[in-house]
Each structure stands twice: as C-alpha cells, then as structure tokens.
Amino acid sequence: MSIDLNIDVSEVEGIIILHLDGRLDSQTSVKLEDRISKLLNDSRSILLLNFSKVSYLSSAGMRLLLAFNKKLQTIGGKLIIYGLNDDVLEILKISGFEKFLNILDDEQCALQFALKKS
C-alpha cells in the first residue's frame, strides 16, 4: 500500500481541480498544504478536491481541510470536496465535518456549486 499522495491538477472553466490519489495523513498532508498554498498565492480562490482515489483520511488531513476551507471563506472563495468513498465520508460525518465543508457527489455537481454566486 502506498503511503504517498499523488496530486494531479486540471482546470475546467477557470476552476482548479486537484485530483488526489493515495492517503491523506500526517505525512502526506504537507504535500497538499504546499500545493494549495501555491494556488492561493496565485490568487486562486475556488478549489475543487477530487477525493475519488483517496483511500484514507487522518485527523491531520481533516485539520488541513478545515484550515483551508476557513482561509478560502475569509477571501470569498470556496473549497469543494467531491467523490468521497464511503469510508472517508463516514469519517467526516462522524467528526461532524460535513457541516463545515462543501461535500458534493461528483465533479459536475462540484463545478455547478463552484460557479454559483455566493
């Protein structure tokens, strides 16, 4: 089992999508934090995270999601997560994080939400 997190970036209608593949834990969350920070420095304020290939989410990964969600909200942006498998979604539900995060089913729904005016 890989302990790494691969991050591929694509863009649809000006919206950046980070396609994550692997585990989001204390070791790999640093990699995602660096990538998101660079995007924020490039004035990107709407980010989609494709979690369809994320096999594990730790508390460190959850803290990272909350921190960037809050940071983006303060600048009028959005962090949108989609494609979560049942196990990862259950972790977020049990922790109550689904109340604070924008979690959608698929890329199409996520893009529609992203493009919707706040």
C-alpha atoms as a PDB file:
ATOM      1  CA  MET A   1       0.000   0.000   0.000  1.00  0.00           C
ATOM      2  CA  SER A   2       1.358   3.372  -0.998  1.00  0.00           C
ATOM      3  CA  ILE A   3       1.985   5.890   1.753  1.00  0.00           C
ATOM      4  CA  ASP A   4       2.258   8.706  -0.756  1.00  0.00           C
ATOM      5  CA  LEU A   5      -0.261  11.164  -2.076  1.00  0.00           C
ATOM      6  CA  ASN A   6      -0.188  11.963  -5.772  1.00  0.00           C
ATOM      7  CA  ILE A   7      -1.730  15.259  -6.831  1.00  0.00           C
ATOM      8  CA  ASP A   8      -2.672  15.990 -10.427  1.00  0.00           C
ATOM      9  CA  VAL A   9      -4.038  19.409 -11.314  1.00  0.00           C
ATOM     10  CA  SER A  10      -6.531  20.247 -14.026  1.00  0.00           C
ATOM     11  CA  GLU A  11      -8.627  23.293 -14.838  1.00  0.00           C
ATOM     12  CA  VAL A  12     -12.239  23.464 -16.008  1.00  0.00           C
ATOM     13  CA  GLU A  13     -13.903  26.816 -16.756  1.00  0.00           C
ATOM     14  CA  GLY A  14     -11.212  28.597 -14.745  1.00  0.00           C
ATOM     15  CA  ILE A  15     -11.734  26.344 -11.722  1.00  0.00           C
ATOM     16  CA  ILE A  16      -8.719  24.433 -10.416  1.00  0.00           C
ATOM     17  CA  ILE A  17      -9.293  20.760  -9.609  1.00  0.00           C
ATOM     18  CA  LEU A  18      -6.811  18.802  -7.526  1.00  0.00           C
ATOM     19  CA  HIS A  19      -7.124  15.076  -8.218  1.00  0.00           C
ATOM     20  CA  LEU A  20      -5.815  13.257  -5.157  1.00  0.00           C
ATOM     21  CA  ASP A  21      -4.638   9.652  -5.223  1.00  0.00           C
ATOM     22  CA  GLY A  22      -3.484   7.908  -2.053  1.00  0.00           C
ATOM     23  CA  ARG A  23      -3.634   8.598   1.657  1.00  0.00           C
ATOM     24  CA  LEU A  24      -4.171  11.994   3.269  1.00  0.00           C
ATOM     25  CA  ASP A  25      -2.413  11.670   6.616  1.00  0.00           C
ATOM     26  CA  SER A  26       0.152  13.500   8.750  1.00  0.00           C
ATOM     27  CA  GLN A  27       2.963  12.736   6.304  1.00  0.00           C
ATOM     28  CA  THR A  28       1.196  13.492   3.043  1.00  0.00           C
ATOM     29  CA  SER A  29      -0.906  16.447   4.180  1.00  0.00           C
ATOM     30  CA  VAL A  30       2.230  18.619   3.979  1.00  0.00           C
ATOM     31  CA  LYS A  31       2.370  17.967   0.228  1.00  0.00           C
ATOM     32  CA  LEU A  32      -1.269  19.003  -0.219  1.00  0.00           C
ATOM     33  CA  GLU A  33      -0.778  22.039   2.018  1.00  0.00           C
ATOM     34  CA  ASP A  34       2.143  23.218  -0.142  1.00  0.00           C
ATOM     35  CA  ARG A  35       0.167  22.764  -3.365  1.00  0.00           C
ATOM     36  CA  ILE A  36      -2.903  24.619  -2.071  1.00  0.00           C
ATOM     37  CA  SER A  37      -0.761  27.420  -0.616  1.00  0.00           C
ATOM     38  CA  LYS A  38       0.881  27.960  -4.011  1.00  0.00           C
ATOM     39  CA  LEU A  39      -2.529  28.142  -5.671  1.00  0.00           C
ATOM     40  CA  LEU A  40      -3.720  30.693  -3.118  1.00  0.00           C
ATOM     41  CA  ASN A  41      -0.578  32.735  -3.758  1.00  0.00           C
ATOM     42  CA  ASP A  42      -1.556  32.677  -7.453  1.00  0.00           C
ATOM     43  CA  SER A  43      -4.906  34.246  -6.462  1.00  0.00           C
ATOM     44  CA  ARG A  44      -6.928  31.071  -6.940  1.00  0.00           C
ATOM     45  CA  SER A  45      -9.902  31.272  -4.612  1.00  0.00           C
ATOM     46  CA  ILE A  46     -12.069  28.361  -5.763  1.00  0.00           C
ATOM     47  CA  LEU A  47     -10.547  24.913  -5.414  1.00  0.00           C
ATOM     48  CA  LEU A  48     -12.087  21.512  -6.011  1.00  0.00           C
ATOM     49  CA  LEU A  49     -10.593  18.414  -4.430  1.00  0.00           C
ATOM     50  CA  ASN A  50     -11.362  15.128  -6.148  1.00  0.00           C
ATOM     51  CA  PHE A  51     -11.293  12.520  -3.371  1.00  0.00           C
ATOM     52  CA  SER A  52     -12.394   9.568  -5.527  1.00  0.00           C
ATOM     53  CA  LYS A  53      -8.968   7.898  -5.124  1.00  0.00           C
ATOM     54  CA  VAL A  54      -8.312   8.897  -1.505  1.00  0.00           C
ATOM     55  CA  SER A  55      -8.171   5.675   0.466  1.00  0.00           C
ATOM     56  CA  TYR A  56      -7.574   7.110   3.930  1.00  0.00           C
ATOM     57  CA  LEU A  57      -8.122  10.405   5.754  1.00  0.00           C
ATOM     58  CA  SER A  58      -6.480  11.088   9.121  1.00  0.00           C
ATOM     59  CA  SER A  59      -7.129  13.818  11.662  1.00  0.00           C
ATOM     60  CA  ALA A  60      -4.157  15.745  10.215  1.00  0.00           C
ATOM     61  CA  GLY A  61      -5.812  15.670   6.800  1.00  0.00           C
ATOM     62  CA  MET A  62      -9.119  16.788   8.299  1.00  0.00           C
ATOM     63  CA  ARG A  63      -7.440  19.718  10.080  1.00  0.00           C
ATOM     64  CA  LEU A  64      -5.849  20.746   6.790  1.00  0.00           C
ATOM     65  CA  LEU A  65      -9.220  20.714   5.037  1.00  0.00           C
ATOM     66  CA  LEU A  66     -10.814  22.812   7.768  1.00  0.00           C
ATOM     67  CA  ALA A  67      -7.949  25.312   7.802  1.00  0.00           C
ATOM     68  CA  PHE A  68      -8.030  25.900   4.050  1.00  0.00           C
ATOM     69  CA  ASN A  69     -11.820  25.970   3.992  1.00  0.00           C
ATOM     70  CA  LYS A  70     -11.736  28.757   6.585  1.00  0.00           C
ATOM     71  CA  LYS A  71      -8.944  30.605   4.775  1.00  0.00           C
ATOM     72  CA  LEU A  72     -10.819  30.482   1.459  1.00  0.00           C
ATOM     73  CA  GLN A  73     -14.072  31.618   3.078  1.00  0.00           C
ATOM     74  CA  THR A  74     -12.341  34.693   4.512  1.00  0.00           C
ATOM     75  CA  ILE A  75     -11.328  35.777   0.995  1.00  0.00           C
ATOM     76  CA  GLY A  76     -14.705  34.946  -0.544  1.00  0.00           C
ATOM     77  CA  GLY A  77     -13.548  31.668  -2.024  1.00  0.00           C
ATOM     78  CA  LYS A  78     -14.668  28.065  -1.818  1.00  0.00           C
ATOM     79  CA  LEU A  79     -13.112  24.709  -1.051  1.00  0.00           C
ATOM     80  CA  ILE A  80     -15.233  21.948  -2.531  1.00  0.00           C
ATOM     81  CA  ILE A  81     -14.637  18.249  -1.980  1.00  0.00           C
ATOM     82  CA  TYR A  82     -16.252  15.555  -4.104  1.00  0.00           C
ATOM     83  CA  GLY A  83     -16.126  11.879  -4.941  1.00  0.00           C
ATOM     84  CA  LEU A  84     -15.501  10.603  -1.414  1.00  0.00           C
ATOM     85  CA  ASN A  85     -15.649   6.869  -0.863  1.00  0.00           C
ATOM     86  CA  ASP A  86     -17.961   5.601   1.872  1.00  0.00           C
ATOM     87  CA  ASP A  87     -15.194   5.121   4.451  1.00  0.00           C
ATOM     88  CA  VAL A  88     -13.759   8.630   4.080  1.00  0.00           C
ATOM     89  CA  LEU A  89     -17.230  10.173   4.026  1.00  0.00           C
ATOM     90  CA  GLU A  90     -18.128   8.294   7.204  1.00  0.00           C
ATOM     91  CA  ILE A  91     -15.029   9.695   8.947  1.00  0.00           C
ATOM     92  CA  LEU A  92     -16.131  13.226   8.054  1.00  0.00           C
ATOM     93  CA  LYS A  93     -19.707  12.568   9.160  1.00  0.00           C
ATOM     94  CA  ILE A  94     -18.713  11.041  12.493  1.00  0.00           C
ATOM     95  CA  SER A  95     -16.473  14.027  13.217  1.00  0.00           C
ATOM     96  CA  GLY A  96     -19.218  16.473  12.197  1.00  0.00           C
ATOM     97  CA  PHE A  97     -17.021  17.995   9.493  1.00  0.00           C
ATOM     98  CA  GLU A  98     -19.680  17.616   6.793  1.00  0.00           C
ATOM     99  CA  LYS A  99     -21.430  20.565   8.481  1.00  0.00           C
ATOM    100  CA  PHE A 100     -18.444  22.821   7.763  1.00  0.00           C
ATOM    101  CA  LEU A 101     -17.140  21.507   4.448  1.00  0.00           C
ATOM    102  CA  ASN A 102     -18.662  21.682   0.976  1.00  0.00           C
ATOM    103  CA  ILE A 103     -19.003  17.980   0.120  1.00  0.00           C
ATOM    104  CA  LEU A 104     -20.619  17.031  -3.167  1.00  0.00           C
ATOM    105  CA  ASP A 105     -21.163  13.775  -5.025  1.00  0.00           C
ATOM    106  CA  ASP A 106     -19.323  14.287  -8.305  1.00  0.00           C
ATOM    107  CA  GLU A 107     -17.347  16.697 -10.472  1.00  0.00           C
ATOM    108  CA  GLN A 108     -20.379  18.051 -12.318  1.00  0.00           C
ATOM    109  CA  CYS A 109     -22.178  18.950  -9.064  1.00  0.00           C
ATOM    110  CA  ALA A 110     -18.965  20.406  -7.653  1.00  0.00           C
ATOM    111  CA  LEU A 111     -18.418  22.615 -10.712  1.00  0.00           C
ATOM    112  CA  GLN A 112     -22.017  23.833 -10.629  1.00  0.00           C
ATOM    113  CA  PHE A 113     -21.622  24.704  -6.943  1.00  0.00           C
ATOM    114  CA  ALA A 114     -18.289  26.401  -7.608  1.00  0.00           C
ATOM    115  CA  LEU A 115     -19.713  28.587 -10.357  1.00  0.00           C
ATOM    116  CA  LYS A 116     -22.794  29.527  -8.355  1.00  0.00           C
ATOM    117  CA  LYS A 117     -22.596  33.043  -6.965  1.00  0.00           C
ATOM    118  CA  SER A 118     -22.405  33.195  -3.196  1.00  0.00           C
END
